[in-house]
């Protein structure tokens, strides 16, 4: 089995193997060019996501700069996704993002990890575990999501959280490590911030 085959199989592998770098570096060059685009270069931004990402739906937008180990090659975006500044995707493994997910600034999603065994880690070896984020989730500013985690649909992850375990659908979760605080409830349809009511009549 080649190092690249080990990589895509989730096994321990050498990320500096030539067969891997020869595939990876061209995407990093394209990412560098992507990050030089102006805010008004909307068509070029969309073209990059459609050509480089594994999948990209309609109406996705990324504020630059954007960082990704493989330039986003192993990223699967649904439709209607918004990512604020400094989204960092350690996409050595695959990252699956459902429709209408929102990312605050400075979010990091990691799929790559290193063995705890000091000998293996000293050799620079790693392994990857995919991350899944369900539709309509909101990932707050400064959140870190570690390899292998699944976040459910409609989940809200509070700012600064470190998500080390799966989060179910329809909950608000916060903290380090991130834990479920409560379910999304009917009260959330009445109040948008503390005791401030949602003006549904004006919003339509």
C-alpha atoms as a PDB file:
ATOM      1  CA  UNK A   1       0.000   0.000   0.000  1.00  0.00           C
ATOM      2  CA  UNK A   2       1.408   3.418  -0.966  1.00  0.00           C
ATOM      3  CA  UNK A   3       1.635   6.343   1.446  1.00  0.00           C
ATOM      4  CA  UNK A   4      -1.169   8.099  -0.439  1.00  0.00           C
ATOM      5  CA  UNK A   5      -3.363   4.989  -0.195  1.00  0.00           C
ATOM      6  CA  UNK A   6      -2.632   4.852   3.537  1.00  0.00           C
ATOM      7  CA  UNK A   7      -3.545   8.546   3.814  1.00  0.00           C
ATOM      8  CA  UNK A   8      -6.975   8.194   2.197  1.00  0.00           C
ATOM      9  CA  UNK A   9      -7.657   5.021   4.202  1.00  0.00           C
ATOM     10  CA  UNK A  10      -7.239   6.776   7.575  1.00  0.00           C
ATOM     11  CA  UNK A  11      -4.084   4.826   8.464  1.00  0.00           C
ATOM     12  CA  UNK A  12      -0.825   6.174   9.875  1.00  0.00           C
ATOM     13  CA  UNK A  13       1.269   7.549   7.016  1.00  0.00           C
ATOM     14  CA  UNK A  14       4.125   9.876   6.120  1.00  0.00           C
ATOM     15  CA  UNK A  15       2.689  13.254   4.969  1.00  0.00           C
ATOM     16  CA  UNK A  16       6.085  14.277   3.562  1.00  0.00           C
ATOM     17  CA  UNK A  17       6.239  11.392   1.075  1.00  0.00           C
ATOM     18  CA  UNK A  18       6.982  12.667  -2.427  1.00  0.00           C
ATOM     19  CA  UNK A  19       3.888  11.010  -3.902  1.00  0.00           C
ATOM     20  CA  UNK A  20       1.763  13.063  -1.480  1.00  0.00           C
ATOM     21  CA  UNK A  21       3.623  16.364  -1.810  1.00  0.00           C
ATOM     22  CA  UNK A  22       3.495  16.177  -5.590  1.00  0.00           C
ATOM     23  CA  UNK A  23      -0.321  16.157  -5.353  1.00  0.00           C
ATOM     24  CA  UNK A  24      -0.613  18.645  -2.499  1.00  0.00           C
ATOM     25  CA  UNK A  25       1.721  21.507  -3.452  1.00  0.00           C
ATOM     26  CA  UNK A  26      -0.130  22.547  -6.654  1.00  0.00           C
ATOM     27  CA  UNK A  27      -3.269  23.077  -4.586  1.00  0.00           C
ATOM     28  CA  UNK A  28      -1.316  25.203  -2.111  1.00  0.00           C
ATOM     29  CA  UNK A  29      -0.050  27.350  -4.980  1.00  0.00           C
ATOM     30  CA  UNK A  30      -3.630  27.871  -6.129  1.00  0.00           C
ATOM     31  CA  UNK A  31      -4.663  28.726  -2.564  1.00  0.00           C
ATOM     32  CA  UNK A  32      -1.964  31.401  -2.404  1.00  0.00           C
ATOM     33  CA  UNK A  33      -3.385  33.000  -5.551  1.00  0.00           C
ATOM     34  CA  UNK A  34      -6.931  32.701  -4.176  1.00  0.00           C
ATOM     35  CA  UNK A  35      -5.948  34.688  -1.095  1.00  0.00           C
ATOM     36  CA  UNK A  36      -4.722  37.559  -3.286  1.00  0.00           C
ATOM     37  CA  UNK A  37      -8.207  38.175  -4.711  1.00  0.00           C
ATOM     38  CA  UNK A  38     -10.030  41.422  -3.988  1.00  0.00           C
ATOM     39  CA  UNK A  39     -13.369  41.408  -2.135  1.00  0.00           C
ATOM     40  CA  UNK A  40     -15.072  42.324  -5.418  1.00  0.00           C
ATOM     41  CA  UNK A  41     -13.643  39.296  -7.275  1.00  0.00           C
ATOM     42  CA  UNK A  42     -16.757  37.249  -6.597  1.00  0.00           C
ATOM     43  CA  UNK A  43     -16.716  35.212  -9.792  1.00  0.00           C
ATOM     44  CA  UNK A  44     -13.076  34.218  -9.263  1.00  0.00           C
ATOM     45  CA  UNK A  45     -13.808  33.163  -5.680  1.00  0.00           C
ATOM     46  CA  UNK A  46     -16.668  30.985  -6.830  1.00  0.00           C
ATOM     47  CA  UNK A  47     -14.572  29.495  -9.625  1.00  0.00           C
ATOM     48  CA  UNK A  48     -11.867  28.486  -7.146  1.00  0.00           C
ATOM     49  CA  UNK A  49     -14.308  26.682  -4.862  1.00  0.00           C
ATOM     50  CA  UNK A  50     -15.970  24.856  -7.740  1.00  0.00           C
ATOM     51  CA  UNK A  51     -12.681  23.776  -9.318  1.00  0.00           C
ATOM     52  CA  UNK A  52     -10.657  22.925  -6.194  1.00  0.00           C
ATOM     53  CA  UNK A  53     -13.119  21.728  -3.547  1.00  0.00           C
ATOM     54  CA  UNK A  54     -14.262  18.121  -3.687  1.00  0.00           C
ATOM     55  CA  UNK A  55     -17.829  19.474  -3.786  1.00  0.00           C
ATOM     56  CA  UNK A  56     -19.321  22.964  -3.650  1.00  0.00           C
ATOM     57  CA  UNK A  57     -23.006  23.879  -3.887  1.00  0.00           C
ATOM     58  CA  UNK A  58     -24.658  27.164  -4.808  1.00  0.00           C
ATOM     59  CA  UNK A  59     -24.216  30.544  -3.086  1.00  0.00           C
ATOM     60  CA  UNK A  60     -21.157  29.757  -0.961  1.00  0.00           C
ATOM     61  CA  UNK A  61     -18.930  32.585   0.219  1.00  0.00           C
ATOM     62  CA  UNK A  62     -15.576  32.684   2.025  1.00  0.00           C
ATOM     63  CA  UNK A  63     -14.063  35.851   3.469  1.00  0.00           C
ATOM     64  CA  UNK A  64     -10.321  35.927   2.849  1.00  0.00           C
ATOM     65  CA  UNK A  65      -7.844  34.911   4.073  1.00  0.00           C
ATOM     66  CA  UNK A  66      -8.690  31.222   3.919  1.00  0.00           C
ATOM     67  CA  UNK A  67      -6.257  28.509   5.008  1.00  0.00           C
ATOM     68  CA  UNK A  68      -6.310  24.818   4.085  1.00  0.00           C
ATOM     69  CA  UNK A  69      -3.650  22.106   4.084  1.00  0.00           C
ATOM     70  CA  UNK A  70      -4.809  20.873   0.684  1.00  0.00           C
ATOM     71  CA  UNK A  71      -6.305  24.162  -0.503  1.00  0.00           C
ATOM     72  CA  UNK A  72      -9.783  22.745   0.134  1.00  0.00           C
ATOM     73  CA  UNK A  73      -9.344  19.701  -2.107  1.00  0.00           C
ATOM     74  CA  UNK A  74     -10.901  17.425   0.503  1.00  0.00           C
ATOM     75  CA  UNK A  75     -13.691  19.848   1.465  1.00  0.00           C
ATOM     76  CA  UNK A  76     -17.332  19.069   0.662  1.00  0.00           C
ATOM     77  CA  UNK A  77     -19.540  22.180   0.862  1.00  0.00           C
ATOM     78  CA  UNK A  78     -23.289  22.107   0.519  1.00  0.00           C
ATOM     79  CA  UNK A  79     -25.174  25.234  -0.600  1.00  0.00           C
ATOM     80  CA  UNK A  80     -25.583  28.603   1.114  1.00  0.00           C
ATOM     81  CA  UNK A  81     -22.452  28.334   3.277  1.00  0.00           C
ATOM     82  CA  UNK A  82     -20.851  31.465   4.722  1.00  0.00           C
ATOM     83  CA  UNK A  83     -17.356  31.490   6.231  1.00  0.00           C
ATOM     84  CA  UNK A  84     -15.932  34.557   7.961  1.00  0.00           C
ATOM     85  CA  UNK A  85     -12.243  35.579   8.023  1.00  0.00           C
ATOM     86  CA  UNK A  86      -9.450  33.089   8.772  1.00  0.00           C
ATOM     87  CA  UNK A  87     -11.324  29.840   8.322  1.00  0.00           C
ATOM     88  CA  UNK A  88      -8.632  27.161   8.736  1.00  0.00           C
ATOM     89  CA  UNK A  89      -9.357  23.694   7.355  1.00  0.00           C
ATOM     90  CA  UNK A  90      -6.754  21.034   8.032  1.00  0.00           C
ATOM     91  CA  UNK A  91      -8.177  19.046   5.146  1.00  0.00           C
ATOM     92  CA  UNK A  92      -5.730  16.168   4.901  1.00  0.00           C
ATOM     93  CA  UNK A  93      -8.864  14.134   5.587  1.00  0.00           C
ATOM     94  CA  UNK A  94     -12.334  14.994   4.328  1.00  0.00           C
ATOM     95  CA  UNK A  95     -14.534  17.740   5.794  1.00  0.00           C
ATOM     96  CA  UNK A  96     -18.261  17.514   5.040  1.00  0.00           C
ATOM     97  CA  UNK A  97     -20.329  20.685   5.581  1.00  0.00           C
ATOM     98  CA  UNK A  98     -24.112  20.667   5.097  1.00  0.00           C
ATOM     99  CA  UNK A  99     -26.285  23.368   3.565  1.00  0.00           C
ATOM    100  CA  UNK A 100     -26.573  26.823   5.198  1.00  0.00           C
ATOM    101  CA  UNK A 101     -23.771  26.328   7.721  1.00  0.00           C
ATOM    102  CA  UNK A 102     -22.261  29.551   9.085  1.00  0.00           C
ATOM    103  CA  UNK A 103     -18.684  29.908  10.364  1.00  0.00           C
ATOM    104  CA  UNK A 104     -17.611  32.811  12.569  1.00  0.00           C
ATOM    105  CA  UNK A 105     -14.098  34.265  12.252  1.00  0.00           C
ATOM    106  CA  UNK A 106     -11.019  32.237  13.224  1.00  0.00           C
ATOM    107  CA  UNK A 107     -12.633  28.797  13.143  1.00  0.00           C
ATOM    108  CA  UNK A 108     -10.299  25.796  12.860  1.00  0.00           C
ATOM    109  CA  UNK A 109     -11.389  22.342  11.709  1.00  0.00           C
ATOM    110  CA  UNK A 110      -8.682  19.674  11.908  1.00  0.00           C
ATOM    111  CA  UNK A 111      -8.834  16.204  10.393  1.00  0.00           C
ATOM    112  CA  UNK A 112      -5.141  15.397  10.855  1.00  0.00           C
ATOM    113  CA  UNK A 113      -3.722  14.004  14.068  1.00  0.00           C
ATOM    114  CA  UNK A 114      -0.405  12.583  15.234  1.00  0.00           C
ATOM    115  CA  UNK A 115       0.182   9.363  17.196  1.00  0.00           C
ATOM    116  CA  UNK A 116       0.715   9.725  20.926  1.00  0.00           C
ATOM    117  CA  UNK A 117       3.555   7.200  20.712  1.00  0.00           C
ATOM    118  CA  UNK A 118       6.689   9.394  20.794  1.00  0.00           C
ATOM    119  CA  UNK A 119       8.659   7.261  18.318  1.00  0.00           C
ATOM    120  CA  UNK A 120       5.981   7.463  15.628  1.00  0.00           C
ATOM    121  CA  UNK A 121       5.365  11.145  16.291  1.00  0.00           C
ATOM    122  CA  UNK A 122       9.111  11.822  16.136  1.00  0.00           C
ATOM    123  CA  UNK A 123       9.107  10.362  12.619  1.00  0.00           C
ATOM    124  CA  UNK A 124       6.549  12.983  11.589  1.00  0.00           C
ATOM    125  CA  UNK A 125       3.798  10.445  10.922  1.00  0.00           C
ATOM    126  CA  UNK A 126       0.107  11.279  11.111  1.00  0.00           C
ATOM    127  CA  UNK A 127      -3.384   9.939  10.413  1.00  0.00           C
ATOM    128  CA  UNK A 128      -6.647  11.587   9.364  1.00  0.00           C
ATOM    129  CA  UNK A 129     -10.239  11.240  10.555  1.00  0.00           C
ATOM    130  CA  UNK A 130     -13.072  12.953   8.695  1.00  0.00           C
ATOM    131  CA  UNK A 131     -15.235  15.700  10.211  1.00  0.00           C
ATOM    132  CA  UNK A 132     -18.978  16.088   9.496  1.00  0.00           C
ATOM    133  CA  UNK A 133     -21.074  19.223  10.162  1.00  0.00           C
ATOM    134  CA  UNK A 134     -24.846  18.991   9.688  1.00  0.00           C
ATOM    135  CA  UNK A 135     -26.995  21.433   7.785  1.00  0.00           C
ATOM    136  CA  UNK A 136     -27.871  24.831   9.258  1.00  0.00           C
ATOM    137  CA  UNK A 137     -25.285  24.585  12.040  1.00  0.00           C
ATOM    138  CA  UNK A 138     -23.682  27.778  13.341  1.00  0.00           C
ATOM    139  CA  UNK A 139     -20.027  27.514  14.369  1.00  0.00           C
ATOM    140  CA  UNK A 140     -19.097  30.531  16.516  1.00  0.00           C
ATOM    141  CA  UNK A 141     -15.941  32.629  16.448  1.00  0.00           C
ATOM    142  CA  UNK A 142     -12.715  30.919  17.461  1.00  0.00           C
ATOM    143  CA  UNK A 143     -14.164  27.388  17.620  1.00  0.00           C
ATOM    144  CA  UNK A 144     -11.765  24.452  17.243  1.00  0.00           C
ATOM    145  CA  UNK A 145     -13.118  21.132  15.939  1.00  0.00           C
ATOM    146  CA  UNK A 146     -10.831  18.121  16.301  1.00  0.00           C
ATOM    147  CA  UNK A 147     -10.512  15.051  14.027  1.00  0.00           C
ATOM    148  CA  UNK A 148     -13.375  12.584  13.768  1.00  0.00           C
ATOM    149  CA  UNK A 149     -16.084  14.827  15.249  1.00  0.00           C
ATOM    150  CA  UNK A 150     -19.694  14.978  14.011  1.00  0.00           C
ATOM    151  CA  UNK A 151     -21.830  18.066  14.674  1.00  0.00           C
ATOM    152  CA  UNK A 152     -25.578  17.710  14.203  1.00  0.00           C
ATOM    153  CA  UNK A 153     -27.947  19.771  12.104  1.00  0.00           C
ATOM    154  CA  UNK A 154     -29.181  23.093  13.561  1.00  0.00           C
ATOM    155  CA  UNK A 155     -26.537  22.893  16.304  1.00  0.00           C
ATOM    156  CA  UNK A 156     -25.022  26.117  17.653  1.00  0.00           C
ATOM    157  CA  UNK A 157     -21.415  25.894  18.865  1.00  0.00           C
ATOM    158  CA  UNK A 158     -20.559  28.819  21.158  1.00  0.00           C
ATOM    159  CA  UNK A 159     -17.573  31.063  20.517  1.00  0.00           C
ATOM    160  CA  UNK A 160     -14.234  29.740  21.719  1.00  0.00           C
ATOM    161  CA  UNK A 161     -15.415  26.163  22.171  1.00  0.00           C
ATOM    162  CA  UNK A 162     -13.151  23.154  21.603  1.00  0.00           C
ATOM    163  CA  UNK A 163     -15.258  20.353  20.132  1.00  0.00           C
ATOM    164  CA  UNK A 164     -13.711  17.019  21.086  1.00  0.00           C
ATOM    165  CA  UNK A 165     -16.789  14.787  20.856  1.00  0.00           C
ATOM    166  CA  UNK A 166     -19.931  14.444  18.750  1.00  0.00           C
ATOM    167  CA  UNK A 167     -22.668  17.062  19.210  1.00  0.00           C
ATOM    168  CA  UNK A 168     -26.300  16.050  18.484  1.00  0.00           C
ATOM    169  CA  UNK A 169     -28.912  17.854  16.393  1.00  0.00           C
ATOM    170  CA  UNK A 170     -30.797  20.927  17.631  1.00  0.00           C
ATOM    171  CA  UNK A 171     -28.678  21.908  20.629  1.00  0.00           C
ATOM    172  CA  UNK A 172     -26.601  24.802  21.896  1.00  0.00           C
ATOM    173  CA  UNK A 173     -23.161  23.560  23.002  1.00  0.00           C
ATOM    174  CA  UNK A 174     -20.293  25.541  24.512  1.00  0.00           C
ATOM    175  CA  UNK A 175     -17.044  25.188  26.419  1.00  0.00           C
ATOM    176  CA  UNK A 176     -13.685  23.461  26.508  1.00  0.00           C
ATOM    177  CA  UNK A 177     -14.349  20.641  26.097  1.00  0.00           C
ATOM    178  CA  UNK A 178     -17.583  21.575  24.291  1.00  0.00           C
ATOM    179  CA  UNK A 179     -20.691  20.236  26.039  1.00  0.00           C
ATOM    180  CA  UNK A 180     -24.400  20.495  25.372  1.00  0.00           C
ATOM    181  CA  UNK A 181     -25.882  23.382  27.350  1.00  0.00           C
ATOM    182  CA  UNK A 182     -29.494  23.100  26.213  1.00  0.00           C
ATOM    183  CA  UNK A 183     -31.775  22.233  23.324  1.00  0.00           C
ATOM    184  CA  UNK A 184     -32.896  24.751  20.754  1.00  0.00           C
ATOM    185  CA  UNK A 185     -36.407  25.631  21.984  1.00  0.00           C
ATOM    186  CA  UNK A 186     -39.561  27.639  21.283  1.00  0.00           C
ATOM    187  CA  UNK A 187     -38.088  30.468  23.345  1.00  0.00           C
ATOM    188  CA  UNK A 188     -35.509  30.899  20.604  1.00  0.00           C
ATOM    189  CA  UNK A 189     -38.372  31.787  18.246  1.00  0.00           C
ATOM    190  CA  UNK A 190     -39.429  34.573  20.609  1.00  0.00           C
ATOM    191  CA  UNK A 191     -36.130  36.102  21.736  1.00  0.00           C
ATOM    192  CA  UNK A 192     -32.984  36.670  19.661  1.00  0.00           C
ATOM    193  CA  UNK A 193     -30.781  38.099  22.447  1.00  0.00           C
ATOM    194  CA  UNK A 194     -31.506  37.801  26.151  1.00  0.00           C
ATOM    195  CA  UNK A 195     -34.878  39.548  26.640  1.00  0.00           C
ATOM    196  CA  UNK A 196     -35.017  41.218  23.217  1.00  0.00           C
ATOM    197  CA  UNK A 197     -37.929  39.912  21.158  1.00  0.00           C
ATOM    198  CA  UNK A 198     -37.837  38.958  17.506  1.00  0.00           C
ATOM    199  CA  UNK A 199     -39.993  41.371  15.490  1.00  0.00           C
ATOM    200  CA  UNK A 200     -41.511  38.730  13.236  1.00  0.00           C
ATOM    201  CA  UNK A 201     -44.000  41.232  11.764  1.00  0.00           C
ATOM    202  CA  UNK A 202     -41.210  43.407  10.372  1.00  0.00           C
ATOM    203  CA  UNK A 203     -39.098  40.471   9.249  1.00  0.00           C
ATOM    204  CA  UNK A 204     -41.981  38.885   7.351  1.00  0.00           C
END
